[in-house]
């Protein structure tokens, strides 16, 4: 017994646009298991385009991460601290053009 199910294939591919008009993408590292954090952060940074920024929130100042970012990206990522306190940090990582 063969069952034929019609499948509609659109002429144009469906594209999901996840771009924000302000170019700011939030990333809260506090909810990510520590063993996966740096890989997740690098994946997020790698997906950004020039001029976009990742607003990074963490429960501590990420000095080792910043050193790894410098080695990996050089001057391609600008680091701007927005908040720094005992509770943690908020940093904008901006991709330069």
PDB file of N, CA and C in Angstrom:
ATOM      1  N   UNK A   1       0.833  -1.172   0.000  1.00  0.00           N
ATOM      2  CA  UNK A   1       0.000   0.000   0.000  1.00  0.00           C
ATOM      3  C   UNK A   1       0.881   1.241   0.000  1.00  0.00           C
ATOM      4  N   UNK A   2       0.709   2.087  -0.970  1.00  0.00           N
ATOM      5  CA  UNK A   2       1.422   3.354  -1.065  1.00  0.00           C
ATOM      6  C   UNK A   2       0.488   4.489  -0.698  1.00  0.00           C
ATOM      7  N   UNK A   3       1.004   5.380   0.096  1.00  0.00           N
ATOM      8  CA  UNK A   3       0.226   6.565   0.468  1.00  0.00           C
ATOM      9  C   UNK A   3       0.942   7.772  -0.100  1.00  0.00           C
ATOM     10  N   UNK A   4       0.254   8.526  -0.880  1.00  0.00           N
ATOM     11  CA  UNK A   4       0.823   9.743  -1.458  1.00  0.00           C
ATOM     12  C   UNK A   4       0.352  10.946  -0.663  1.00  0.00           C
ATOM     13  N   UNK A   5       1.308  11.632  -0.093  1.00  0.00           N
ATOM     14  CA  UNK A   5       1.003  12.844   0.661  1.00  0.00           C
ATOM     15  C   UNK A   5       1.568  14.012  -0.115  1.00  0.00           C
ATOM     16  N   UNK A   6       0.723  14.933  -0.518  1.00  0.00           N
ATOM     17  CA  UNK A   6       1.231  16.078  -1.277  1.00  0.00           C
ATOM     18  C   UNK A   6       2.123  16.966  -0.396  1.00  0.00           C
ATOM     19  N   UNK A   7       3.230  17.370  -0.943  1.00  0.00           N
ATOM     20  CA  UNK A   7       4.163  18.243  -0.242  1.00  0.00           C
ATOM     21  C   UNK A   7       4.293  19.526  -1.034  1.00  0.00           C
ATOM     22  N   UNK A   8       4.084  20.627  -0.340  1.00  0.00           N
ATOM     23  CA  UNK A   8       4.213  21.931  -0.986  1.00  0.00           C
ATOM     24  C   UNK A   8       5.637  22.440  -0.767  1.00  0.00           C
ATOM     25  N   UNK A   9       6.353  22.676  -1.822  1.00  0.00           N
ATOM     26  CA  UNK A   9       7.698  23.237  -1.743  1.00  0.00           C
ATOM     27  C   UNK A   9       7.619  24.658  -2.294  1.00  0.00           C
ATOM     28  N   UNK A  10       7.836  25.659  -1.449  1.00  0.00           N
ATOM     29  CA  UNK A  10       7.734  27.042  -1.917  1.00  0.00           C
ATOM     30  C   UNK A  10       8.827  27.365  -2.930  1.00  0.00           C
ATOM     31  N   UNK A  11       8.489  28.272  -3.839  1.00  0.00           N
ATOM     32  CA  UNK A  11       9.465  28.681  -4.850  1.00  0.00           C
ATOM     33  C   UNK A  11      10.643  29.415  -4.206  1.00  0.00           C
ATOM     34  N   UNK A  12      10.365  30.227  -3.229  1.00  0.00           N
ATOM     35  CA  UNK A  12      11.411  30.940  -2.510  1.00  0.00           C
ATOM     36  C   UNK A  12      11.597  30.268  -1.148  1.00  0.00           C
ATOM     37  N   UNK A  13      12.840  30.062  -0.709  1.00  0.00           N
ATOM     38  CA  UNK A  13      13.046  29.452   0.603  1.00  0.00           C
ATOM     39  C   UNK A  13      12.524  30.364   1.711  1.00  0.00           C
ATOM     40  N   UNK A  14      12.042  29.754   2.754  1.00  0.00           N
ATOM     41  CA  UNK A  14      11.571  30.512   3.908  1.00  0.00           C
ATOM     42  C   UNK A  14      12.797  30.922   4.715  1.00  0.00           C
ATOM     43  N   UNK A  15      12.924  32.198   4.963  1.00  0.00           N
ATOM     44  CA  UNK A  15      14.069  32.723   5.693  1.00  0.00           C
ATOM     45  C   UNK A  15      13.558  33.340   6.986  1.00  0.00           C
ATOM     46  N   UNK A  16      14.166  32.939   8.066  1.00  0.00           N
ATOM     47  CA  UNK A  16      13.820  33.525   9.366  1.00  0.00           C
ATOM     48  C   UNK A  16      14.826  34.624   9.674  1.00  0.00           C
ATOM     49  N   UNK A  17      14.343  35.810   9.846  1.00  0.00           N
ATOM     50  CA  UNK A  17      15.200  36.940  10.133  1.00  0.00           C
ATOM     51  C   UNK A  17      15.197  37.171  11.641  1.00  0.00           C
ATOM     52  N   UNK A  18      16.324  36.902  12.262  1.00  0.00           N
ATOM     53  CA  UNK A  18      16.446  37.081  13.710  1.00  0.00           C
ATOM     54  C   UNK A  18      17.244  38.323  14.055  1.00  0.00           C
ATOM     55  N   UNK A  19      17.370  39.216  13.095  1.00  0.00           N
ATOM     56  CA  UNK A  19      18.126  40.441  13.328  1.00  0.00           C
ATOM     57  C   UNK A  19      17.308  41.423  14.145  1.00  0.00           C
ATOM     58  N   UNK A  20      17.987  42.108  15.039  1.00  0.00           N
ATOM     59  CA  UNK A  20      17.346  43.154  15.831  1.00  0.00           C
ATOM     60  C   UNK A  20      17.659  44.496  15.193  1.00  0.00           C
ATOM     61  N   UNK A  21      16.701  45.388  15.239  1.00  0.00           N
ATOM     62  CA  UNK A  21      16.924  46.701  14.629  1.00  0.00           C
ATOM     63  C   UNK A  21      17.979  47.500  15.385  1.00  0.00           C
ATOM     64  N   UNK A  22      18.135  47.260  16.697  1.00  0.00           N
ATOM     65  CA  UNK A  22      19.140  47.996  17.466  1.00  0.00           C
ATOM     66  C   UNK A  22      20.508  47.324  17.432  1.00  0.00           C
ATOM     67  N   UNK A  23      20.604  46.091  16.910  1.00  0.00           N
ATOM     68  CA  UNK A  23      21.886  45.406  16.797  1.00  0.00           C
ATOM     69  C   UNK A  23      22.466  44.947  18.115  1.00  0.00           C
ATOM     70  N   UNK A  24      21.642  44.900  19.177  1.00  0.00           N
ATOM     71  CA  UNK A  24      22.108  44.466  20.494  1.00  0.00           C
ATOM     72  C   UNK A  24      21.474  43.119  20.821  1.00  0.00           C
ATOM     73  N   UNK A  25      22.314  42.116  21.087  1.00  0.00           N
ATOM     74  CA  UNK A  25      21.843  40.764  21.381  1.00  0.00           C
ATOM     75  C   UNK A  25      22.292  40.380  22.788  1.00  0.00           C
ATOM     76  N   UNK A  26      21.331  40.088  23.646  1.00  0.00           N
ATOM     77  CA  UNK A  26      21.626  39.746  25.027  1.00  0.00           C
ATOM     78  C   UNK A  26      22.204  38.350  25.165  1.00  0.00           C
ATOM     79  N   UNK A  27      23.125  38.192  26.119  1.00  0.00           N
ATOM     80  CA  UNK A  27      23.712  36.896  26.420  1.00  0.00           C
ATOM     81  C   UNK A  27      23.956  36.853  27.917  1.00  0.00           C
ATOM     82  N   UNK A  28      23.148  36.063  28.637  1.00  0.00           N
ATOM     83  CA  UNK A  28      23.292  35.920  30.081  1.00  0.00           C
ATOM     84  C   UNK A  28      24.033  34.622  30.370  1.00  0.00           C
ATOM     85  N   UNK A  29      25.313  34.735  30.687  1.00  0.00           N
ATOM     86  CA  UNK A  29      26.158  33.559  30.899  1.00  0.00           C
ATOM     87  C   UNK A  29      25.842  32.848  32.208  1.00  0.00           C
ATOM     88  N   UNK A  30      25.123  33.493  33.107  1.00  0.00           N
ATOM     89  CA  UNK A  30      24.858  32.896  34.417  1.00  0.00           C
ATOM     90  C   UNK A  30      24.027  31.630  34.322  1.00  0.00           C
ATOM     91  N   UNK A  31      23.235  31.483  33.264  1.00  0.00           N
ATOM     92  CA  UNK A  31      22.378  30.315  33.129  1.00  0.00           C
ATOM     93  C   UNK A  31      23.004  29.177  32.340  1.00  0.00           C
ATOM     94  N   UNK A  32      24.264  29.312  31.972  1.00  0.00           N
ATOM     95  CA  UNK A  32      24.932  28.289  31.169  1.00  0.00           C
ATOM     96  C   UNK A  32      25.938  27.555  32.051  1.00  0.00           C
ATOM     97  N   UNK A  33      25.951  26.236  31.965  1.00  0.00           N
ATOM     98  CA  UNK A  33      26.903  25.452  32.754  1.00  0.00           C
ATOM     99  C   UNK A  33      28.318  25.938  32.473  1.00  0.00           C
ATOM    100  N   UNK A  34      29.119  26.060  33.528  1.00  0.00           N
ATOM    101  CA  UNK A  34      30.459  26.646  33.388  1.00  0.00           C
ATOM    102  C   UNK A  34      31.312  25.933  32.357  1.00  0.00           C
ATOM    103  N   UNK A  35      31.181  24.636  32.232  1.00  0.00           N
ATOM    104  CA  UNK A  35      32.028  23.906  31.278  1.00  0.00           C
ATOM    105  C   UNK A  35      31.695  24.240  29.826  1.00  0.00           C
ATOM    106  N   UNK A  36      30.510  24.819  29.576  1.00  0.00           N
ATOM    107  CA  UNK A  36      30.095  25.151  28.211  1.00  0.00           C
ATOM    108  C   UNK A  36      30.154  26.646  27.914  1.00  0.00           C
ATOM    109  N   UNK A  37      30.386  27.453  28.921  1.00  0.00           N
ATOM    110  CA  UNK A  37      30.252  28.910  28.755  1.00  0.00           C
ATOM    111  C   UNK A  37      31.113  29.487  27.641  1.00  0.00           C
ATOM    112  N   UNK A  38      32.415  29.235  27.681  1.00  0.00           N
ATOM    113  CA  UNK A  38      33.286  29.888  26.699  1.00  0.00           C
ATOM    114  C   UNK A  38      32.953  29.449  25.284  1.00  0.00           C
ATOM    115  N   UNK A  39      32.651  28.181  25.092  1.00  0.00           N
ATOM    116  CA  UNK A  39      32.282  27.708  23.756  1.00  0.00           C
ATOM    117  C   UNK A  39      31.001  28.387  23.285  1.00  0.00           C
ATOM    118  N   UNK A  40      30.028  28.543  24.185  1.00  0.00           N
ATOM    119  CA  UNK A  40      28.767  29.206  23.821  1.00  0.00           C
ATOM    120  C   UNK A  40      29.000  30.680  23.502  1.00  0.00           C
ATOM    121  N   UNK A  41      29.852  31.324  24.274  1.00  0.00           N
ATOM    122  CA  UNK A  41      30.151  32.741  24.050  1.00  0.00           C
ATOM    123  C   UNK A  41      30.841  32.927  22.701  1.00  0.00           C
ATOM    124  N   UNK A  42      31.830  32.086  22.404  1.00  0.00           N
ATOM    125  CA  UNK A  42      32.530  32.196  21.126  1.00  0.00           C
ATOM    126  C   UNK A  42      31.585  31.921  19.959  1.00  0.00           C
ATOM    127  N   UNK A  43      30.693  30.960  20.125  1.00  0.00           N
ATOM    128  CA  UNK A  43      29.705  30.696  19.078  1.00  0.00           C
ATOM    129  C   UNK A  43      28.811  31.891  18.829  1.00  0.00           C
ATOM    130  N   UNK A  44      28.389  32.545  19.912  1.00  0.00           N
ATOM    131  CA  UNK A  44      27.542  33.731  19.775  1.00  0.00           C
ATOM    132  C   UNK A  44      28.310  34.876  19.115  1.00  0.00           C
ATOM    133  N   UNK A  45      29.542  35.105  19.539  1.00  0.00           N
ATOM    134  CA  UNK A  45      30.349  36.176  18.949  1.00  0.00           C
ATOM    135  C   UNK A  45      30.617  35.913  17.471  1.00  0.00           C
ATOM    136  N   UNK A  46      30.879  34.660  17.128  1.00  0.00           N
ATOM    137  CA  UNK A  46      31.157  34.312  15.734  1.00  0.00           C
ATOM    138  C   UNK A  46      29.959  34.568  14.823  1.00  0.00           C
ATOM    139  N   UNK A  47      28.759  34.586  15.396  1.00  0.00           N
ATOM    140  CA  UNK A  47      27.559  34.773  14.579  1.00  0.00           C
ATOM    141  C   UNK A  47      27.198  36.240  14.375  1.00  0.00           C
ATOM    142  N   UNK A  48      27.875  37.143  15.065  1.00  0.00           N
ATOM    143  CA  UNK A  48      27.578  38.575  14.940  1.00  0.00           C
ATOM    144  C   UNK A  48      28.235  39.169  13.708  1.00  0.00           C
ATOM    145  N   UNK A  49      27.574  40.174  13.153  1.00  0.00           N
ATOM    146  CA  UNK A  49      28.081  40.924  12.008  1.00  0.00           C
ATOM    147  C   UNK A  49      28.717  42.221  12.502  1.00  0.00           C
ATOM    148  N   UNK A  50      29.493  42.842  11.648  1.00  0.00           N
ATOM    149  CA  UNK A  50      30.132  44.122  11.991  1.00  0.00           C
ATOM    150  C   UNK A  50      29.073  45.131  12.440  1.00  0.00           C
ATOM    151  N   UNK A  51      29.339  45.806  13.552  1.00  0.00           N
ATOM    152  CA  UNK A  51      28.426  46.803  14.092  1.00  0.00           C
ATOM    153  C   UNK A  51      27.452  46.251  15.114  1.00  0.00           C
ATOM    154  N   UNK A  52      27.290  44.947  15.158  1.00  0.00           N
ATOM    155  CA  UNK A  52      26.393  44.348  16.145  1.00  0.00           C
ATOM    156  C   UNK A  52      27.149  44.151  17.453  1.00  0.00           C
ATOM    157  N   UNK A  53      26.358  44.005  18.531  1.00  0.00           N
ATOM    158  CA  UNK A  53      26.973  43.841  19.841  1.00  0.00           C
ATOM    159  C   UNK A  53      26.260  42.761  20.634  1.00  0.00           C
ATOM    160  N   UNK A  54      27.012  42.120  21.489  1.00  0.00           N
ATOM    161  CA  UNK A  54      26.451  41.153  22.417  1.00  0.00           C
ATOM    162  C   UNK A  54      26.523  41.779  23.805  1.00  0.00           C
ATOM    163  N   UNK A  55      25.369  41.953  24.432  1.00  0.00           N
ATOM    164  CA  UNK A  55      25.319  42.497  25.796  1.00  0.00           C
ATOM    165  C   UNK A  55      25.446  41.317  26.748  1.00  0.00           C
ATOM    166  N   UNK A  56      26.616  41.190  27.312  1.00  0.00           N
ATOM    167  CA  UNK A  56      27.030  40.039  28.111  1.00  0.00           C
ATOM    168  C   UNK A  56      26.799  40.308  29.590  1.00  0.00           C
ATOM    169  N   UNK A  57      26.128  39.371  30.269  1.00  0.00           N
ATOM    170  CA  UNK A  57      25.881  39.471  31.710  1.00  0.00           C
ATOM    171  C   UNK A  57      26.527  38.256  32.366  1.00  0.00           C
ATOM    172  N   UNK A  58      27.278  38.507  33.455  1.00  0.00           N
ATOM    173  CA  UNK A  58      27.936  37.406  34.152  1.00  0.00           C
ATOM    174  C   UNK A  58      28.006  37.719  35.637  1.00  0.00           C
ATOM    175  N   UNK A  59      28.228  36.686  36.443  1.00  0.00           N
ATOM    176  CA  UNK A  59      28.269  36.857  37.895  1.00  0.00           C
ATOM    177  C   UNK A  59      29.663  37.226  38.410  1.00  0.00           C
ATOM    178  N   UNK A  60      30.636  37.350  37.507  1.00  0.00           N
ATOM    179  CA  UNK A  60      31.988  37.761  37.890  1.00  0.00           C
ATOM    180  C   UNK A  60      32.672  38.410  36.682  1.00  0.00           C
ATOM    181  N   UNK A  61      33.766  39.094  36.962  1.00  0.00           N
ATOM    182  CA  UNK A  61      34.542  39.727  35.903  1.00  0.00           C
ATOM    183  C   UNK A  61      35.301  38.638  35.135  1.00  0.00           C
ATOM    184  N   UNK A  62      35.049  38.473  33.847  1.00  0.00           N
ATOM    185  CA  UNK A  62      35.564  37.322  33.094  1.00  0.00           C
ATOM    186  C   UNK A  62      36.971  37.534  32.516  1.00  0.00           C
ATOM    187  N   UNK A  63      37.949  37.766  33.360  1.00  0.00           N
ATOM    188  CA  UNK A  63      39.312  38.056  32.895  1.00  0.00           C
ATOM    189  C   UNK A  63      39.869  36.942  31.998  1.00  0.00           C
ATOM    190  N   UNK A  64      39.768  35.650  32.374  1.00  0.00           N
ATOM    191  CA  UNK A  64      40.287  34.609  31.477  1.00  0.00           C
ATOM    192  C   UNK A  64      39.586  34.607  30.115  1.00  0.00           C
ATOM    193  N   UNK A  65      38.283  34.860  30.101  1.00  0.00           N
ATOM    194  CA  UNK A  65      37.541  34.933  28.843  1.00  0.00           C
ATOM    195  C   UNK A  65      38.066  36.077  27.985  1.00  0.00           C
ATOM    196  N   UNK A  66      38.295  37.234  28.598  1.00  0.00           N
ATOM    197  CA  UNK A  66      38.786  38.390  27.845  1.00  0.00           C
ATOM    198  C   UNK A  66      40.162  38.105  27.235  1.00  0.00           C
ATOM    199  N   UNK A  67      40.999  37.375  27.964  1.00  0.00           N
ATOM    200  CA  UNK A  67      42.306  37.005  27.430  1.00  0.00           C
ATOM    201  C   UNK A  67      42.153  36.062  26.234  1.00  0.00           C
ATOM    202  N   UNK A  68      41.245  35.103  26.347  1.00  0.00           N
ATOM    203  CA  UNK A  68      40.995  34.186  25.231  1.00  0.00           C
ATOM    204  C   UNK A  68      40.420  34.928  24.032  1.00  0.00           C
ATOM    205  N   UNK A  69      39.542  35.886  24.298  1.00  0.00           N
ATOM    206  CA  UNK A  69      38.961  36.680  23.206  1.00  0.00           C
ATOM    207  C   UNK A  69      40.037  37.482  22.492  1.00  0.00           C
ATOM    208  N   UNK A  70      40.962  38.063  23.254  1.00  0.00           N
ATOM    209  CA  UNK A  70      42.045  38.838  22.653  1.00  0.00           C
ATOM    210  C   UNK A  70      42.887  37.954  21.742  1.00  0.00           C
ATOM    211  N   UNK A  71      43.187  36.744  22.206  1.00  0.00           N
ATOM    212  CA  UNK A  71      43.986  35.822  21.398  1.00  0.00           C
ATOM    213  C   UNK A  71      43.228  35.372  20.150  1.00  0.00           C
ATOM    214  N   UNK A  72      41.928  35.186  20.279  1.00  0.00           N
ATOM    215  CA  UNK A  72      41.124  34.661  19.172  1.00  0.00           C
ATOM    216  C   UNK A  72      40.731  35.738  18.156  1.00  0.00           C
ATOM    217  N   UNK A  73      40.318  36.911  18.653  1.00  0.00           N
ATOM    218  CA  UNK A  73      39.760  37.950  17.782  1.00  0.00           C
ATOM    219  C   UNK A  73      40.662  39.168  17.594  1.00  0.00           C
ATOM    220  N   UNK A  74      41.662  39.330  18.430  1.00  0.00           N
ATOM    221  CA  UNK A  74      42.506  40.525  18.343  1.00  0.00           C
ATOM    222  C   UNK A  74      41.678  41.776  18.573  1.00  0.00           C
ATOM    223  N   UNK A  75      41.808  42.760  17.683  1.00  0.00           N
ATOM    224  CA  UNK A  75      41.078  44.031  17.819  1.00  0.00           C
ATOM    225  C   UNK A  75      39.704  43.999  17.170  1.00  0.00           C
ATOM    226  N   UNK A  76      39.271  42.848  16.676  1.00  0.00           N
ATOM    227  CA  UNK A  76      37.980  42.756  15.984  1.00  0.00           C
ATOM    228  C   UNK A  76      36.803  42.949  16.947  1.00  0.00           C
ATOM    229  N   UNK A  77      36.992  42.648  18.240  1.00  0.00           N
ATOM    230  CA  UNK A  77      35.929  42.805  19.241  1.00  0.00           C
ATOM    231  C   UNK A  77      36.311  43.917  20.205  1.00  0.00           C
ATOM    232  N   UNK A  78      35.446  44.900  20.330  1.00  0.00           N
ATOM    233  CA  UNK A  78      35.624  45.996  21.284  1.00  0.00           C
ATOM    234  C   UNK A  78      34.911  45.611  22.578  1.00  0.00           C
ATOM    235  N   UNK A  79      35.551  45.870  23.715  1.00  0.00           N
ATOM    236  CA  UNK A  79      35.002  45.506  25.022  1.00  0.00           C
ATOM    237  C   UNK A  79      34.639  46.784  25.767  1.00  0.00           C
ATOM    238  N   UNK A  80      33.344  46.937  26.116  1.00  0.00           N
ATOM    239  CA  UNK A  80      32.851  48.111  26.843  1.00  0.00           C
ATOM    240  C   UNK A  80      32.115  47.674  28.100  1.00  0.00           C
ATOM    241  N   UNK A  81      32.688  47.961  29.261  1.00  0.00           N
ATOM    242  CA  UNK A  81      32.011  47.658  30.530  1.00  0.00           C
ATOM    243  C   UNK A  81      30.881  48.664  30.738  1.00  0.00           C
ATOM    244  N   UNK A  82      29.669  48.157  30.954  1.00  0.00           N
ATOM    245  CA  UNK A  82      28.525  49.020  31.237  1.00  0.00           C
ATOM    246  C   UNK A  82      28.244  49.065  32.734  1.00  0.00           C
ATOM    247  N   UNK A  83      28.437  47.926  33.413  1.00  0.00           N
ATOM    248  CA  UNK A  83      28.233  47.837  34.868  1.00  0.00           C
ATOM    249  C   UNK A  83      29.251  46.872  35.440  1.00  0.00           C
ATOM    250  N   UNK A  84      29.739  47.188  36.639  1.00  0.00           N
ATOM    251  CA  UNK A  84      30.644  46.288  37.336  1.00  0.00           C
ATOM    252  C   UNK A  84      30.400  46.467  38.830  1.00  0.00           C
ATOM    253  N   UNK A  85      30.011  45.372  39.498  1.00  0.00           N
ATOM    254  CA  UNK A  85      29.725  45.440  40.930  1.00  0.00           C
ATOM    255  C   UNK A  85      30.034  44.078  41.554  1.00  0.00           C
ATOM    256  N   UNK A  86      29.750  43.952  42.840  1.00  0.00           N
ATOM    257  CA  UNK A  86      29.952  42.677  43.528  1.00  0.00           C
ATOM    258  C   UNK A  86      29.045  41.586  42.972  1.00  0.00           C
ATOM    259  N   UNK A  87      27.901  41.979  42.434  1.00  0.00           N
ATOM    260  CA  UNK A  87      26.943  41.005  41.900  1.00  0.00           C
ATOM    261  C   UNK A  87      27.343  40.479  40.526  1.00  0.00           C
ATOM    262  N   UNK A  88      28.196  41.236  39.816  1.00  0.00           N
ATOM    263  CA  UNK A  88      28.605  40.780  38.500  1.00  0.00           C
ATOM    264  C   UNK A  88      28.896  41.929  37.564  1.00  0.00           C
ATOM    265  N   UNK A  89      28.866  41.611  36.268  1.00  0.00           N
ATOM    266  CA  UNK A  89      29.223  42.606  35.254  1.00  0.00           C
ATOM    267  C   UNK A  89      28.210  42.566  34.106  1.00  0.00           C
ATOM    268  N   UNK A  90      28.131  43.713  33.418  1.00  0.00           N
ATOM    269  CA  UNK A  90      27.418  43.808  32.142  1.00  0.00           C
ATOM    270  C   UNK A  90      28.429  44.437  31.191  1.00  0.00           C
ATOM    271  N   UNK A  91      28.716  43.722  30.113  1.00  0.00           N
ATOM    272  CA  UNK A  91      29.726  44.160  29.153  1.00  0.00           C
ATOM    273  C   UNK A  91      29.144  44.088  27.753  1.00  0.00           C
ATOM    274  N   UNK A  92      29.379  45.111  26.950  1.00  0.00           N
ATOM    275  CA  UNK A  92      29.049  45.042  25.527  1.00  0.00           C
ATOM    276  C   UNK A  92      30.289  44.594  24.766  1.00  0.00           C
ATOM    277  N   UNK A  93      30.139  43.526  23.998  1.00  0.00           N
ATOM    278  CA  UNK A  93      31.166  43.079  23.071  1.00  0.00           C
ATOM    279  C   UNK A  93      30.705  43.530  21.692  1.00  0.00           C
ATOM    280  N   UNK A  94      31.409  44.466  21.089  1.00  0.00           N
ATOM    281  CA  UNK A  94      31.013  45.076  19.822  1.00  0.00           C
ATOM    282  C   UNK A  94      31.930  44.555  18.714  1.00  0.00           C
ATOM    283  N   UNK A  95      31.323  44.072  17.634  1.00  0.00           N
ATOM    284  CA  UNK A  95      32.106  43.600  16.493  1.00  0.00           C
ATOM    285  C   UNK A  95      32.453  44.803  15.626  1.00  0.00           C
ATOM    286  N   UNK A  96      33.731  44.999  15.427  1.00  0.00           N
ATOM    287  CA  UNK A  96      34.188  46.104  14.587  1.00  0.00           C
ATOM    288  C   UNK A  96      34.132  45.715  13.118  1.00  0.00           C
ATOM    289  N   UNK A  97      33.972  46.715  12.268  1.00  0.00           N
ATOM    290  CA  UNK A  97      33.853  46.490  10.833  1.00  0.00           C
ATOM    291  C   UNK A  97      35.135  46.161  10.134  1.00  0.00           C
TER     292      UNK A  97
END
